[in-house]
Amino acid sequence: MTPAADPSDEDTMLALQRGEALALNRLMSRWERPLRSFLYRSTRNEHDALDLAEETFVRVYLHRARYRVGARFSTWMFQIALNLARDHARRARRRPTDSLEEAPEQFTTATPRGDATAAEAAAAVRTAVAALPEDLREAVLLSEFQDLSHAEIAEIVGATPKAVETRLYRAREKLRSLLARYLRE
């Protein structure tokens, strides 16, 4: 007897719409880590990322009836998360605070322990990505760290795939200039 395969995200969302309480748990266990990683890269704060991830899953549950059969769950979920991250950023700009915490290792770019140059380069990449304008940063985070297609990113950010392609091109050009020192080494 072979174990039953995990249901797809779409099947799990349909179960959630039918009122199956454990369906949300399956989605959370499958998507919590990628979602928190994306939100950490967006907010650069572990606690904010955790709070926003929890709020994203709350919204998934509250708005489960809005999920369209045939739509990719990950696109829908990242769209919710991105909107929450944007709202969070707007609030933070109105009342700025300094974070006293460093990134936990599981949410940062992997760096070999003891290799100061690699750690410095990774920190420079994080800083450079954070310095990008919001529309460029979102495109980079969704493309490079979540491995989404231009069409998926376009749906999440409310743009055309061509606009996403342009944003990624502009972002990469800015990153090349900001990180020129590390690219030469």
Protein backbone atom coordinates (compact mmCIF):
# COMPACT_ATOMS: atom_id res chain seq x y z
CA MET A 1 0.00 0.00 0.00
CA THR A 2 1.51 3.32 -1.05
CA PRO A 3 0.94 6.46 0.99
CA ALA A 4 -1.54 8.94 -0.45
CA ALA A 5 0.06 11.91 -2.16
CA ASP A 6 -0.41 15.27 -0.55
CA PRO A 7 -3.34 17.11 -2.13
CA SER A 8 -2.48 20.00 -4.42
CA ASP A 9 -2.78 23.58 -3.22
CA GLU A 10 -5.94 23.95 -5.30
CA ASP A 11 -7.51 20.83 -3.77
CA THR A 12 -6.51 22.04 -0.32
CA MET A 13 -8.11 25.46 -0.95
CA LEU A 14 -11.29 23.75 -2.14
CA ALA A 15 -11.30 21.71 1.07
CA LEU A 16 -10.82 24.93 3.05
CA GLN A 17 -13.74 26.51 1.19
CA ARG A 18 -15.87 23.48 2.11
CA GLY A 19 -15.03 24.05 5.77
CA GLU A 20 -12.32 21.46 6.36
CA ALA A 21 -10.39 23.07 9.23
CA LEU A 22 -7.17 21.08 8.76
CA ALA A 23 -6.79 22.32 5.18
CA LEU A 24 -5.34 25.61 6.42
CA ASN A 25 -2.77 23.68 8.48
CA ARG A 26 -1.62 21.85 5.33
CA LEU A 27 -1.21 25.13 3.47
CA MET A 28 0.64 26.70 6.38
CA SER A 29 3.06 23.80 6.74
CA ARG A 30 3.72 23.83 2.99
CA TRP A 31 4.07 27.60 2.53
CA GLU A 32 5.15 29.09 5.88
CA ARG A 33 8.89 28.99 5.24
CA PRO A 34 8.85 30.45 1.67
CA LEU A 35 6.34 33.08 2.78
CA ARG A 36 8.34 34.12 5.85
CA SER A 37 11.51 34.20 3.78
CA PHE A 38 9.87 36.49 1.19
CA LEU A 39 8.43 38.74 3.89
CA TYR A 40 11.75 38.90 5.72
CA ARG A 41 13.47 40.01 2.56
CA SER A 42 10.72 42.60 2.09
CA THR A 43 10.74 43.96 5.64
CA ARG A 44 14.27 43.07 6.81
CA ASN A 45 12.83 42.31 10.25
CA GLU A 46 12.19 38.79 11.56
CA HIS A 47 9.33 39.79 13.87
CA ASP A 48 7.57 41.82 11.20
CA ALA A 49 7.97 38.94 8.74
CA LEU A 50 6.45 36.50 11.24
CA ASP A 51 3.56 38.85 11.99
CA LEU A 52 2.89 39.48 8.31
CA ALA A 53 3.07 35.76 7.50
CA GLU A 54 0.52 35.04 10.21
CA GLU A 55 -1.69 37.85 8.93
CA THR A 56 -1.37 36.47 5.39
CA PHE A 57 -2.69 33.09 6.52
CA VAL A 58 -5.48 34.78 8.47
CA ARG A 59 -6.48 36.59 5.27
CA VAL A 60 -6.25 33.37 3.26
CA TYR A 61 -8.73 31.86 5.69
CA LEU A 62 -11.02 34.90 5.87
CA HIS A 63 -11.08 35.35 2.10
CA ARG A 64 -11.07 31.67 1.15
CA ALA A 65 -14.30 32.13 -0.82
CA ARG A 66 -12.49 34.59 -3.13
CA TYR A 67 -9.98 31.98 -4.26
CA ARG A 68 -10.69 31.08 -7.91
CA VAL A 69 -10.52 27.45 -8.96
CA GLY A 70 -7.73 27.10 -11.51
CA ALA A 71 -5.69 29.96 -10.09
CA ARG A 72 -2.29 29.20 -8.58
CA PHE A 73 -2.56 29.37 -4.82
CA SER A 74 1.02 30.64 -4.46
CA THR A 75 0.30 33.62 -6.72
CA TRP A 76 -2.83 34.50 -4.75
CA MET A 77 -1.06 34.08 -1.39
CA PHE A 78 2.01 36.14 -2.42
CA GLN A 79 -0.32 38.87 -3.69
CA ILE A 80 -1.94 39.03 -0.24
CA ALA A 81 1.50 39.02 1.42
CA LEU A 82 2.83 41.72 -0.89
CA ASN A 83 -0.14 43.97 -0.16
CA LEU A 84 0.41 43.48 3.58
CA ALA A 85 4.15 44.21 3.19
CA ARG A 86 3.37 47.39 1.23
CA ASP A 87 0.93 48.55 3.92
CA HIS A 88 3.53 47.76 6.57
CA ALA A 89 6.17 49.77 4.68
CA ARG A 90 3.82 52.76 4.38
CA ARG A 91 3.15 52.66 8.12
CA ALA A 92 6.86 52.33 8.85
CA ARG A 93 7.66 55.38 6.72
CA ARG A 94 5.16 57.40 8.75
CA ARG A 95 6.72 56.32 12.05
CA PRO A 96 10.27 55.06 11.44
CA THR A 97 12.14 52.95 13.97
CA ASP A 98 15.55 51.33 13.95
CA SER A 99 15.76 47.56 14.20
CA LEU A 100 18.22 46.29 16.78
CA GLU A 101 18.15 42.72 15.51
CA GLU A 102 20.28 40.99 12.97
CA ALA A 103 18.81 38.60 10.44
CA PRO A 104 18.46 35.04 11.66
CA GLU A 105 20.56 32.72 9.55
CA GLN A 106 17.62 30.80 8.07
CA PHE A 107 16.26 33.98 6.48
CA THR A 108 19.48 35.36 5.10
CA THR A 109 21.48 34.53 2.03
CA ALA A 110 23.53 31.45 2.85
CA THR A 111 27.13 32.25 3.64
CA PRO A 112 29.92 29.87 4.54
CA ARG A 113 30.79 30.16 8.22
CA GLY A 114 34.13 31.79 8.84
CA ASP A 115 34.37 33.30 5.38
CA ALA A 116 34.37 37.02 6.12
CA THR A 117 34.51 38.05 2.47
CA ALA A 118 31.47 35.97 1.55
CA ALA A 119 29.59 37.28 4.58
CA GLU A 120 30.49 40.84 3.62
CA ALA A 121 29.33 40.24 0.04
CA ALA A 122 26.05 38.71 1.24
CA ALA A 123 25.44 41.69 3.49
CA ALA A 124 26.20 44.02 0.58
CA VAL A 125 23.67 42.17 -1.59
CA ARG A 126 20.99 42.44 1.12
CA THR A 127 21.74 46.14 1.53
CA ALA A 128 21.72 46.74 -2.23
CA VAL A 129 18.40 44.92 -2.70
CA ALA A 130 16.89 46.85 0.21
CA ALA A 131 18.06 50.12 -1.38
CA LEU A 132 16.17 49.45 -4.61
CA PRO A 133 12.94 51.37 -5.22
CA GLU A 134 9.93 49.39 -4.00
CA ASP A 135 8.69 48.28 -7.44
CA LEU A 136 12.13 47.01 -8.45
CA ARG A 137 12.76 45.34 -5.08
CA GLU A 138 9.43 43.48 -5.23
CA ALA A 139 10.19 42.18 -8.73
CA VAL A 140 13.66 40.98 -7.68
CA LEU A 141 12.41 39.30 -4.51
CA LEU A 142 9.62 37.46 -6.32
CA SER A 143 11.81 36.47 -9.25
CA GLU A 144 15.12 35.59 -7.65
CA PHE A 145 14.06 34.34 -4.23
CA GLN A 146 10.61 32.88 -4.96
CA ASP A 147 11.45 31.75 -8.50
CA LEU A 148 8.20 33.06 -9.97
CA SER A 149 7.69 33.69 -13.68
CA HIS A 150 7.21 37.16 -15.14
CA ALA A 151 3.51 36.38 -15.65
CA GLU A 152 3.08 35.30 -12.02
CA ILE A 153 4.91 38.38 -10.74
CA ALA A 154 2.80 40.58 -13.03
CA GLU A 155 -0.37 39.16 -11.52
CA ILE A 156 0.91 39.67 -7.98
CA VAL A 157 2.12 43.26 -8.43
CA GLY A 158 -0.63 44.35 -10.82
CA ALA A 159 1.55 44.99 -13.87
CA THR A 160 2.11 43.48 -17.28
CA PRO A 161 4.75 40.77 -17.82
CA LYS A 162 6.66 43.26 -20.01
CA ALA A 163 6.65 45.81 -17.16
CA VAL A 164 8.00 43.12 -14.83
CA GLU A 165 10.73 42.30 -17.36
CA THR A 166 11.64 45.99 -17.51
CA ARG A 167 11.67 46.27 -13.71
CA LEU A 168 13.95 43.26 -13.43
CA TYR A 169 16.30 44.67 -16.05
CA ARG A 170 16.44 48.04 -14.26
CA ALA A 171 16.91 46.34 -10.89
CA ARG A 172 19.76 44.18 -12.17
CA GLU A 173 21.47 47.21 -13.70
CA LYS A 174 21.23 49.09 -10.39
CA LEU A 175 22.47 46.06 -8.48
CA ARG A 176 25.42 45.65 -10.87
CA SER A 177 26.48 49.24 -10.23
CA LEU A 178 25.94 48.98 -6.47
CA LEU A 179 27.82 45.68 -6.28
CA ALA A 180 30.53 46.36 -8.86
CA ARG A 181 33.26 45.89 -6.27
CA TYR A 182 32.10 42.34 -5.50
CA LEU A 183 31.49 41.43 -9.13
CA ARG A 184 35.12 42.24 -10.00
CA GLU A 185 36.51 40.03 -7.21
